[in-house]
Amino acid sequence: DIIAKAVAFYRKGHAQPLRTDSRTWRYYSRLWVALQPVRRILLGLYRRWRALCPA
């Protein structure tokens, strides 16, 4: 049984919520799914880059 449906959420301190029916969210989610085969490699590279260049 479905109890609730998320229609928006906040990402990393943004003041405005991101709606799940927005163009931005649809693009982001399609890209995330399309990158699934290489996601682990990309995230590993990102983590190494962040470790070398802390903010």
C-alpha atoms as a PDB file:
ATOM      1  CA  ASP A   1       0.000   0.000   0.000  1.00  0.00           C
ATOM      2  CA  ILE A   2       1.155   3.522  -0.803  1.00  0.00           C
ATOM      3  CA  ILE A   3       0.935   5.768   2.235  1.00  0.00           C
ATOM      4  CA  ALA A   4       2.456   8.992   0.889  1.00  0.00           C
ATOM      5  CA  LYS A   5       3.946  10.558  -2.215  1.00  0.00           C
ATOM      6  CA  ALA A   6       6.901  12.966  -2.200  1.00  0.00           C
ATOM      7  CA  VAL A   7       6.125  16.028  -4.309  1.00  0.00           C
ATOM      8  CA  ALA A   8       9.155  18.146  -3.343  1.00  0.00           C
ATOM      9  CA  PHE A   9      12.301  18.043  -1.232  1.00  0.00           C
ATOM     10  CA  TYR A  10      15.237  20.227  -0.223  1.00  0.00           C
ATOM     11  CA  ARG A  11      18.734  19.550  -1.551  1.00  0.00           C
ATOM     12  CA  LYS A  12      21.892  20.485   0.341  1.00  0.00           C
ATOM     13  CA  GLY A  13      20.811  23.708   1.965  1.00  0.00           C
ATOM     14  CA  HIS A  14      18.884  25.237  -0.926  1.00  0.00           C
ATOM     15  CA  ALA A  15      16.212  27.669   0.195  1.00  0.00           C
ATOM     16  CA  GLN A  16      13.646  26.520  -2.371  1.00  0.00           C
ATOM     17  CA  PRO A  17      12.350  22.951  -2.513  1.00  0.00           C
ATOM     18  CA  LEU A  18      12.907  20.934  -5.683  1.00  0.00           C
ATOM     19  CA  ARG A  19       9.618  19.638  -7.055  1.00  0.00           C
ATOM     20  CA  THR A  20       9.586  16.094  -8.407  1.00  0.00           C
ATOM     21  CA  ASP A  21       7.528  17.179 -11.433  1.00  0.00           C
ATOM     22  CA  SER A  22       9.947  19.968 -12.438  1.00  0.00           C
ATOM     23  CA  ARG A  23      12.027  19.897 -15.599  1.00  0.00           C
ATOM     24  CA  THR A  24      15.218  20.096 -13.520  1.00  0.00           C
ATOM     25  CA  TRP A  25      14.343  17.013 -11.488  1.00  0.00           C
ATOM     26  CA  ARG A  26      13.277  15.015 -14.545  1.00  0.00           C
ATOM     27  CA  TYR A  27      16.565  15.835 -16.313  1.00  0.00           C
ATOM     28  CA  TYR A  28      18.610  15.016 -13.199  1.00  0.00           C
ATOM     29  CA  SER A  29      16.856  11.691 -12.608  1.00  0.00           C
ATOM     30  CA  ARG A  30      17.162  10.602 -16.256  1.00  0.00           C
ATOM     31  CA  LEU A  31      20.852  11.475 -16.265  1.00  0.00           C
ATOM     32  CA  TRP A  32      21.414   9.596 -12.984  1.00  0.00           C
ATOM     33  CA  VAL A  33      19.759   6.455 -14.347  1.00  0.00           C
ATOM     34  CA  ALA A  34      21.601   6.700 -17.680  1.00  0.00           C
ATOM     35  CA  LEU A  35      24.955   6.958 -15.875  1.00  0.00           C
ATOM     36  CA  GLN A  36      24.279   3.830 -13.804  1.00  0.00           C
ATOM     37  CA  PRO A  37      26.931   1.702 -15.577  1.00  0.00           C
ATOM     38  CA  VAL A  38      29.707   4.246 -14.848  1.00  0.00           C
ATOM     39  CA  ARG A  39      28.339   5.867 -11.684  1.00  0.00           C
ATOM     40  CA  ARG A  40      30.705   4.022  -9.332  1.00  0.00           C
ATOM     41  CA  ILE A  41      33.747   5.176 -11.310  1.00  0.00           C
ATOM     42  CA  LEU A  42      32.504   8.777 -11.511  1.00  0.00           C
ATOM     43  CA  LEU A  43      31.765   8.931  -7.785  1.00  0.00           C
ATOM     44  CA  GLY A  44      35.192   7.472  -6.980  1.00  0.00           C
ATOM     45  CA  LEU A  45      36.889  10.111  -9.137  1.00  0.00           C
ATOM     46  CA  TYR A  46      34.792  12.836  -7.536  1.00  0.00           C
ATOM     47  CA  ARG A  47      35.710  11.685  -4.008  1.00  0.00           C
ATOM     48  CA  ARG A  48      39.416  11.603  -4.867  1.00  0.00           C
ATOM     49  CA  TRP A  49      39.224  15.071  -6.405  1.00  0.00           C
ATOM     50  CA  ARG A  50      37.436  16.432  -3.306  1.00  0.00           C
ATOM     51  CA  ALA A  51      40.091  14.869  -1.054  1.00  0.00           C
ATOM     52  CA  LEU A  52      42.887  16.524  -3.043  1.00  0.00           C
ATOM     53  CA  CYS A  53      41.171  19.928  -3.266  1.00  0.00           C
ATOM     54  CA  PRO A  54      39.308  20.562   0.007  1.00  0.00           C
ATOM     55  CA  ALA A  55      37.126  23.666   0.073  1.00  0.00           C
END
